[in-house]
Every structure is written in structure tokens, then in C-alpha cells.
Amino acid sequence: MTVVEVDRIEMAESSDELTLDMLFEWLEKMPVPEGYKTEIVGGHIFMSPQRDVHWNIIRRIVRALEDQFGMDAKVTSDVRIDFPGHLNGFAPDVALLSDEAEKSAQGRWSYQDVQFVAEVISKNTALNDYGPKKTAYAEAKVPAYLIVNPYTGKCVLHTTPKNGDYDTDARFTFGDEIDLTHTPAGLTLATDGFPRD
């Protein structure tokens, strides 16, 4: 995993404040290895390789959502969505968008349309998922945020966003069924097939 802290990029002809678009444009010019996920969390750039176990869990969650909502469901994986807070350009492992969601003129989805997020943690970026990303998702009022930890075989479901945090959380162990019927995901998610790392 590579972490790059960016507070400001010195530009030859401009002293403009750094923006997410500038950072992502800069990243597109870098020789990032194929198969690496890139996110910006609080102005810090994180690049981590996709692991088989990680992808297997993501695929199972996406399939469950497609089984629930159909193949035309607005479900994304590793797609940039800008969230509230300082320089937060996340690429959630799984994001379910509302049926009414439309891309902006820049071709991006809006965080206001995100109904459910699942993050499958990696060892080196786990603190983001439990900390600043959780805060940003709560500030964005994402109704349900699921964290899946393949190292411990445990999951945490955060719901009821309020005042920049989640009021409710429920804990599960791999093998449990996660009740998402009270969330926009509207399903019961089986975890007995989730692999461990």
C-alpha cells in the first residue's frame, strides 16, 4: 500500500487551492499499477491492491443487491464519489444509489444519492473505514454503512446517521445473516460464503 500526503501542490503558474479534480487529474498521469484502488481521504492519497478475498466478498454483496433490485440496479464498485469533508474522493467497495440518481455534468455520481455503502477492509487502510470514511458517510446521511472485516470474520452495520455520526450499530460474525430489510438495501445478506483472509 502506498500513502501520499498532499496538503498543497506547488504549481508553476497558479496558487489556487487544491481540489479533488486536480488531485485525481494528477493521479491519472502517474504510473499507478493496474489492479490498484486509489482514493483520497482527507487530502491523503491511498493506493492499495485488490486482493482475491476482498473482491470475492464485494462480488457477493453486489450479486445480492442485483438479486434484490435487478441487473439494472444502480450499484457501483470502486467508482469515485466525492463526499463531505476536506478532500474526500472515495471509491466505495460497493455503493447502492437511488433509482433517481443521475450523473453530474462531470460524469460523477452525487453522494446525496448513495443509499447503502459496504467497505471490505484492507489491513493498511482499515483505520479509514472505521474513522474518517465512517464520519463522511454519516455526514452525507448515507442510511446504511456496512464494514466487512475478512481478517476477523466480523461485520459492523451502521445505520441512522445523525449529527455526523451513526446512532445505531449492529455487529455480526461471518455465518450470520445481516438484516438490511429496514434499510434502502431491503434484503437479508448471507455471510456464510464470505471468505476469510
C-alpha atoms as a PDB file:
ATOM      1  CA  MET A   1       0.000   0.000   0.000  1.00  0.00           C
ATOM      2  CA  THR A   2       1.178   3.488  -0.795  1.00  0.00           C
ATOM      3  CA  VAL A   3       0.073   6.583   1.095  1.00  0.00           C
ATOM      4  CA  VAL A   4       0.838  10.060  -0.168  1.00  0.00           C
ATOM      5  CA  GLU A   5       0.006  13.072   1.996  1.00  0.00           C
ATOM      6  CA  VAL A   6      -0.990  16.087  -0.035  1.00  0.00           C
ATOM      7  CA  ASP A   7      -1.697  19.450   1.549  1.00  0.00           C
ATOM      8  CA  ARG A   8      -0.840  21.589  -1.461  1.00  0.00           C
ATOM      9  CA  ILE A   9       0.726  21.045  -4.863  1.00  0.00           C
ATOM     10  CA  GLU A  10       3.056  23.829  -5.912  1.00  0.00           C
ATOM     11  CA  MET A  11       2.027  24.933  -9.353  1.00  0.00           C
ATOM     12  CA  ALA A  12       4.220  26.964 -11.655  1.00  0.00           C
ATOM     13  CA  GLU A  13       1.579  29.479 -12.699  1.00  0.00           C
ATOM     14  CA  SER A  14      -1.162  29.204 -10.075  1.00  0.00           C
ATOM     15  CA  SER A  15      -1.650  29.376  -6.336  1.00  0.00           C
ATOM     16  CA  ASP A  16      -5.230  28.067  -6.428  1.00  0.00           C
ATOM     17  CA  GLU A  17      -6.458  25.919  -3.550  1.00  0.00           C
ATOM     18  CA  LEU A  18      -6.014  22.206  -4.176  1.00  0.00           C
ATOM     19  CA  THR A  19      -9.158  20.415  -5.384  1.00  0.00           C
ATOM     20  CA  LEU A  20     -10.160  16.773  -5.760  1.00  0.00           C
ATOM     21  CA  ASP A  21     -10.296  17.182  -9.521  1.00  0.00           C
ATOM     22  CA  MET A  22      -6.706  18.455  -9.523  1.00  0.00           C
ATOM     23  CA  LEU A  23      -5.557  15.541  -7.370  1.00  0.00           C
ATOM     24  CA  PHE A  24      -7.304  12.907  -9.484  1.00  0.00           C
ATOM     25  CA  GLU A  25      -6.006  14.524 -12.675  1.00  0.00           C
ATOM     26  CA  TRP A  26      -2.507  14.358 -11.204  1.00  0.00           C
ATOM     27  CA  LEU A  27      -3.030  10.695 -10.240  1.00  0.00           C
ATOM     28  CA  GLU A  28      -4.171   9.806 -13.759  1.00  0.00           C
ATOM     29  CA  LYS A  29      -0.787  10.961 -15.032  1.00  0.00           C
ATOM     30  CA  MET A  30       1.095   8.782 -12.548  1.00  0.00           C
ATOM     31  CA  PRO A  31       2.155   5.213 -13.382  1.00  0.00           C
ATOM     32  CA  VAL A  32      -0.285   3.559 -10.933  1.00  0.00           C
ATOM     33  CA  PRO A  33      -0.089  -0.239 -11.317  1.00  0.00           C
ATOM     34  CA  GLU A  34      -3.144  -1.949 -12.749  1.00  0.00           C
ATOM     35  CA  GLY A  35      -5.393  -3.501 -10.115  1.00  0.00           C
ATOM     36  CA  TYR A  36      -4.795  -0.793  -7.522  1.00  0.00           C
ATOM     37  CA  LYS A  37      -7.667   1.083  -5.958  1.00  0.00           C
ATOM     38  CA  THR A  38      -6.999   4.792  -5.456  1.00  0.00           C
ATOM     39  CA  GLU A  39      -8.878   7.008  -3.004  1.00  0.00           C
ATOM     40  CA  ILE A  40      -8.365  10.391  -1.419  1.00  0.00           C
ATOM     41  CA  VAL A  41      -9.333  10.530   2.247  1.00  0.00           C
ATOM     42  CA  GLY A  42      -8.962  13.895   3.933  1.00  0.00           C
ATOM     43  CA  GLY A  43      -6.363  15.005   1.382  1.00  0.00           C
ATOM     44  CA  HIS A  44      -4.309  11.808   1.752  1.00  0.00           C
ATOM     45  CA  ILE A  45      -3.926   9.552  -1.268  1.00  0.00           C
ATOM     46  CA  PHE A  46      -4.274   5.818  -0.640  1.00  0.00           C
ATOM     47  CA  MET A  47      -3.430   3.155  -3.202  1.00  0.00           C
ATOM     48  CA  SER A  48      -3.984  -0.479  -2.344  1.00  0.00           C
ATOM     49  CA  PRO A  49      -4.010  -3.624  -4.468  1.00  0.00           C
ATOM     50  CA  GLN A  50      -7.230  -5.569  -4.932  1.00  0.00           C
ATOM     51  CA  ARG A  51      -6.986  -8.918  -3.161  1.00  0.00           C
ATOM     52  CA  ASP A  52      -8.874 -12.086  -4.161  1.00  0.00           C
ATOM     53  CA  VAL A  53     -10.642 -12.398  -0.798  1.00  0.00           C
ATOM     54  CA  HIS A  54     -11.580  -8.726  -0.862  1.00  0.00           C
ATOM     55  CA  TRP A  55     -13.030  -8.966  -4.377  1.00  0.00           C
ATOM     56  CA  ASN A  56     -14.881 -12.213  -3.601  1.00  0.00           C
ATOM     57  CA  ILE A  57     -16.786 -10.502  -0.764  1.00  0.00           C
ATOM     58  CA  ILE A  58     -17.507  -7.415  -2.873  1.00  0.00           C
ATOM     59  CA  ARG A  59     -18.845  -9.643  -5.669  1.00  0.00           C
ATOM     60  CA  ARG A  60     -21.168 -11.469  -3.267  1.00  0.00           C
ATOM     61  CA  ILE A  61     -22.598  -8.191  -1.955  1.00  0.00           C
ATOM     62  CA  VAL A  62     -23.090  -6.814  -5.474  1.00  0.00           C
ATOM     63  CA  ARG A  63     -24.829 -10.042  -6.555  1.00  0.00           C
ATOM     64  CA  ALA A  64     -27.153  -9.899  -3.532  1.00  0.00           C
ATOM     65  CA  LEU A  65     -28.109  -6.319  -4.432  1.00  0.00           C
ATOM     66  CA  GLU A  66     -28.675  -7.281  -8.080  1.00  0.00           C
ATOM     67  CA  ASP A  67     -30.813 -10.232  -6.972  1.00  0.00           C
ATOM     68  CA  GLN A  68     -32.865  -7.783  -4.891  1.00  0.00           C
ATOM     69  CA  PHE A  69     -33.157  -4.914  -7.404  1.00  0.00           C
ATOM     70  CA  GLY A  70     -32.426  -6.491 -10.792  1.00  0.00           C
ATOM     71  CA  MET A  71     -29.461  -6.305 -13.126  1.00  0.00           C
ATOM     72  CA  ASP A  72     -30.204  -2.644 -13.898  1.00  0.00           C
ATOM     73  CA  ALA A  73     -29.784  -1.623 -10.262  1.00  0.00           C
ATOM     74  CA  LYS A  74     -27.572   1.395  -9.762  1.00  0.00           C
ATOM     75  CA  VAL A  75     -24.764  -0.395  -7.937  1.00  0.00           C
ATOM     76  CA  THR A  76     -21.147   0.714  -8.252  1.00  0.00           C
ATOM     77  CA  SER A  77     -17.832  -0.703  -7.104  1.00  0.00           C
ATOM     78  CA  ASP A  78     -14.578   1.270  -6.884  1.00  0.00           C
ATOM     79  CA  VAL A  79     -16.154   4.293  -8.611  1.00  0.00           C
ATOM     80  CA  ARG A  80     -15.240   7.803  -7.458  1.00  0.00           C
ATOM     81  CA  ILE A  81     -17.842   9.634  -5.409  1.00  0.00           C
ATOM     82  CA  ASP A  82     -16.929  12.879  -3.644  1.00  0.00           C
ATOM     83  CA  PHE A  83     -18.128  13.045  -0.028  1.00  0.00           C
ATOM     84  CA  PRO A  84     -18.392  15.851   2.545  1.00  0.00           C
ATOM     85  CA  GLY A  85     -15.253  16.891   4.363  1.00  0.00           C
ATOM     86  CA  HIS A  86     -11.846  18.136   3.265  1.00  0.00           C
ATOM     87  CA  LEU A  87     -10.745  16.485   0.007  1.00  0.00           C
ATOM     88  CA  ASN A  88     -12.752  13.246   0.298  1.00  0.00           C
ATOM     89  CA  GLY A  89     -12.848  11.441  -3.044  1.00  0.00           C
ATOM     90  CA  PHE A  90     -13.807   7.879  -2.117  1.00  0.00           C
ATOM     91  CA  ALA A  91     -14.247   4.799  -4.298  1.00  0.00           C
ATOM     92  CA  PRO A  92     -16.558   2.678  -2.103  1.00  0.00           C
ATOM     93  CA  ASP A  93     -16.190  -1.064  -2.488  1.00  0.00           C
ATOM     94  CA  VAL A  94     -19.966  -1.207  -3.005  1.00  0.00           C
ATOM     95  CA  ALA A  95     -22.409   1.682  -3.298  1.00  0.00           C
ATOM     96  CA  LEU A  96     -26.142   1.400  -3.946  1.00  0.00           C
ATOM     97  CA  LEU A  97     -27.606   4.543  -5.493  1.00  0.00           C
ATOM     98  CA  SER A  98     -31.224   5.670  -5.532  1.00  0.00           C
ATOM     99  CA  ASP A  99     -33.304   4.892  -8.621  1.00  0.00           C
ATOM    100  CA  GLU A 100     -33.452   8.628  -9.381  1.00  0.00           C
ATOM    101  CA  ALA A 101     -29.653   9.048  -9.320  1.00  0.00           C
ATOM    102  CA  GLU A 102     -28.138  10.747 -12.348  1.00  0.00           C
ATOM    103  CA  LYS A 103     -24.552  11.594 -13.130  1.00  0.00           C
ATOM    104  CA  SER A 104     -23.407  15.215 -12.977  1.00  0.00           C
ATOM    105  CA  ALA A 105     -22.157  17.181 -15.970  1.00  0.00           C
ATOM    106  CA  GLN A 106     -18.680  15.958 -14.955  1.00  0.00           C
ATOM    107  CA  GLY A 107     -19.862  12.333 -15.238  1.00  0.00           C
ATOM    108  CA  ARG A 108     -19.868  11.575 -11.492  1.00  0.00           C
ATOM    109  CA  TRP A 109     -22.484  10.292  -9.076  1.00  0.00           C
ATOM    110  CA  SER A 110     -23.598  12.505  -6.182  1.00  0.00           C
ATOM    111  CA  TYR A 111     -23.170  11.430  -2.569  1.00  0.00           C
ATOM    112  CA  GLN A 112     -26.748  12.606  -1.930  1.00  0.00           C
ATOM    113  CA  ASP A 113     -27.954   9.624  -3.994  1.00  0.00           C
ATOM    114  CA  VAL A 114     -25.987   6.986  -2.057  1.00  0.00           C
ATOM    115  CA  GLN A 115     -28.360   4.701  -0.140  1.00  0.00           C
ATOM    116  CA  PHE A 116     -26.000   1.983   1.087  1.00  0.00           C
ATOM    117  CA  VAL A 117     -22.222   1.556   1.260  1.00  0.00           C
ATOM    118  CA  ALA A 118     -20.170  -1.557   2.013  1.00  0.00           C
ATOM    119  CA  GLU A 119     -16.436  -1.399   2.632  1.00  0.00           C
ATOM    120  CA  VAL A 120     -14.329  -4.560   2.853  1.00  0.00           C
ATOM    121  CA  ILE A 121     -11.316  -3.529   4.867  1.00  0.00           C
ATOM    122  CA  SER A 122      -7.696  -3.955   3.944  1.00  0.00           C
ATOM    123  CA  LYS A 123      -5.190  -4.103   6.788  1.00  0.00           C
ATOM    124  CA  ASN A 124      -3.370  -0.970   5.760  1.00  0.00           C
ATOM    125  CA  THR A 125      -6.457   1.208   5.244  1.00  0.00           C
ATOM    126  CA  ALA A 126      -8.782  -0.176   7.948  1.00  0.00           C
ATOM    127  CA  LEU A 127      -8.476   2.976  10.044  1.00  0.00           C
ATOM    128  CA  ASN A 128     -10.041   4.954   7.179  1.00  0.00           C
ATOM    129  CA  ASP A 129     -13.085   2.683   7.050  1.00  0.00           C
ATOM    130  CA  TYR A 130     -13.682   2.821  10.810  1.00  0.00           C
ATOM    131  CA  GLY A 131     -12.757   6.517  11.157  1.00  0.00           C
ATOM    132  CA  PRO A 132     -12.839   9.313   8.562  1.00  0.00           C
ATOM    133  CA  LYS A 133     -14.894   7.403   5.984  1.00  0.00           C
ATOM    134  CA  LYS A 134     -17.485   6.472   8.609  1.00  0.00           C
ATOM    135  CA  THR A 135     -17.699  10.150   9.589  1.00  0.00           C
ATOM    136  CA  ALA A 136     -18.024  11.288   5.968  1.00  0.00           C
ATOM    137  CA  TYR A 137     -20.727   8.701   5.231  1.00  0.00           C
ATOM    138  CA  ALA A 138     -22.652   9.822   8.324  1.00  0.00           C
ATOM    139  CA  GLU A 139     -22.278  13.494   7.370  1.00  0.00           C
ATOM    140  CA  ALA A 140     -23.541  12.572   3.889  1.00  0.00           C
ATOM    141  CA  LYS A 141     -26.516  10.877   5.597  1.00  0.00           C
ATOM    142  CA  VAL A 142     -25.873   7.525   3.905  1.00  0.00           C
ATOM    143  CA  PRO A 143     -28.641   5.455   5.560  1.00  0.00           C
ATOM    144  CA  ALA A 144     -26.620   2.247   5.940  1.00  0.00           C
ATOM    145  CA  TYR A 145     -22.869   1.630   6.079  1.00  0.00           C
ATOM    146  CA  LEU A 146     -21.555  -1.932   6.344  1.00  0.00           C
ATOM    147  CA  ILE A 147     -17.928  -2.654   7.248  1.00  0.00           C
ATOM    148  CA  VAL A 148     -16.745  -6.197   6.474  1.00  0.00           C
ATOM    149  CA  ASN A 149     -13.504  -7.423   8.061  1.00  0.00           C
ATOM    150  CA  PRO A 150     -12.170 -10.602   6.398  1.00  0.00           C
ATOM    151  CA  TYR A 151      -9.272 -10.781   8.914  1.00  0.00           C
ATOM    152  CA  THR A 152     -11.507 -11.134  11.982  1.00  0.00           C
ATOM    153  CA  GLY A 153     -14.556 -12.596  10.219  1.00  0.00           C
ATOM    154  CA  LYS A 154     -16.762  -9.828  11.623  1.00  0.00           C
ATOM    155  CA  CYS A 155     -19.037  -7.119  10.236  1.00  0.00           C
ATOM    156  CA  VAL A 156     -20.434  -3.888  11.647  1.00  0.00           C
ATOM    157  CA  LEU A 157     -23.605  -2.307  10.264  1.00  0.00           C
ATOM    158  CA  HIS A 158     -24.023   1.408  10.980  1.00  0.00           C
ATOM    159  CA  THR A 159     -27.468   2.963  10.495  1.00  0.00           C
ATOM    160  CA  THR A 160     -29.396   6.092  11.483  1.00  0.00           C
ATOM    161  CA  PRO A 161     -26.953   8.870  10.550  1.00  0.00           C
ATOM    162  CA  LYS A 162     -27.324  11.880  12.826  1.00  0.00           C
ATOM    163  CA  ASN A 163     -25.096  14.876  13.604  1.00  0.00           C
ATOM    164  CA  GLY A 164     -22.075  13.494  11.749  1.00  0.00           C
ATOM    165  CA  ASP A 165     -22.172  10.028  13.316  1.00  0.00           C
ATOM    166  CA  TYR A 166     -24.305   6.893  13.278  1.00  0.00           C
ATOM    167  CA  ASP A 167     -26.727   6.370  16.159  1.00  0.00           C
ATOM    168  CA  THR A 168     -27.101   2.641  15.658  1.00  0.00           C
ATOM    169  CA  ASP A 169     -24.646  -0.154  15.021  1.00  0.00           C
ATOM    170  CA  ALA A 170     -25.064  -3.911  14.948  1.00  0.00           C
ATOM    171  CA  ARG A 171     -22.282  -6.498  14.957  1.00  0.00           C
ATOM    172  CA  PHE A 172     -22.218  -9.778  13.081  1.00  0.00           C
ATOM    173  CA  THR A 173     -19.889 -12.740  12.655  1.00  0.00           C
ATOM    174  CA  PHE A 174     -19.315 -14.454   9.298  1.00  0.00           C
ATOM    175  CA  GLY A 175     -22.046 -17.075   9.035  1.00  0.00           C
ATOM    176  CA  ASP A 176     -24.724 -14.720  10.420  1.00  0.00           C
ATOM    177  CA  GLU A 177     -27.404 -13.206   8.246  1.00  0.00           C
ATOM    178  CA  ILE A 178     -27.309  -9.406   8.219  1.00  0.00           C
ATOM    179  CA  ASP A 179     -30.784  -7.901   8.335  1.00  0.00           C
ATOM    180  CA  LEU A 180     -30.821  -4.967   5.928  1.00  0.00           C
ATOM    181  CA  THR A 181     -34.588  -5.056   5.412  1.00  0.00           C
ATOM    182  CA  HIS A 182     -35.001  -1.840   7.442  1.00  0.00           C
ATOM    183  CA  THR A 183     -32.523  -0.025   5.159  1.00  0.00           C
ATOM    184  CA  PRO A 184     -32.750   1.012   1.480  1.00  0.00           C
ATOM    185  CA  ALA A 185     -30.852  -2.207   0.619  1.00  0.00           C
ATOM    186  CA  GLY A 186     -34.033  -4.041   1.651  1.00  0.00           C
ATOM    187  CA  LEU A 187     -32.556  -7.524   1.918  1.00  0.00           C
ATOM    188  CA  THR A 188     -31.087 -10.102   4.240  1.00  0.00           C
ATOM    189  CA  LEU A 189     -27.407 -10.574   3.403  1.00  0.00           C
ATOM    190  CA  ALA A 190     -25.960 -14.049   3.912  1.00  0.00           C
ATOM    191  CA  THR A 191     -22.335 -14.025   5.070  1.00  0.00           C
ATOM    192  CA  ASP A 192     -21.715 -17.773   5.343  1.00  0.00           C
ATOM    193  CA  GLY A 193     -19.908 -17.687   1.975  1.00  0.00           C
ATOM    194  CA  PHE A 194     -17.661 -14.755   2.860  1.00  0.00           C
ATOM    195  CA  PRO A 195     -14.043 -15.965   2.740  1.00  0.00           C
ATOM    196  CA  ARG A 196     -11.522 -15.170   5.479  1.00  0.00           C
ATOM    197  CA  ASP A 197      -8.087 -13.710   4.863  1.00  0.00           C
END
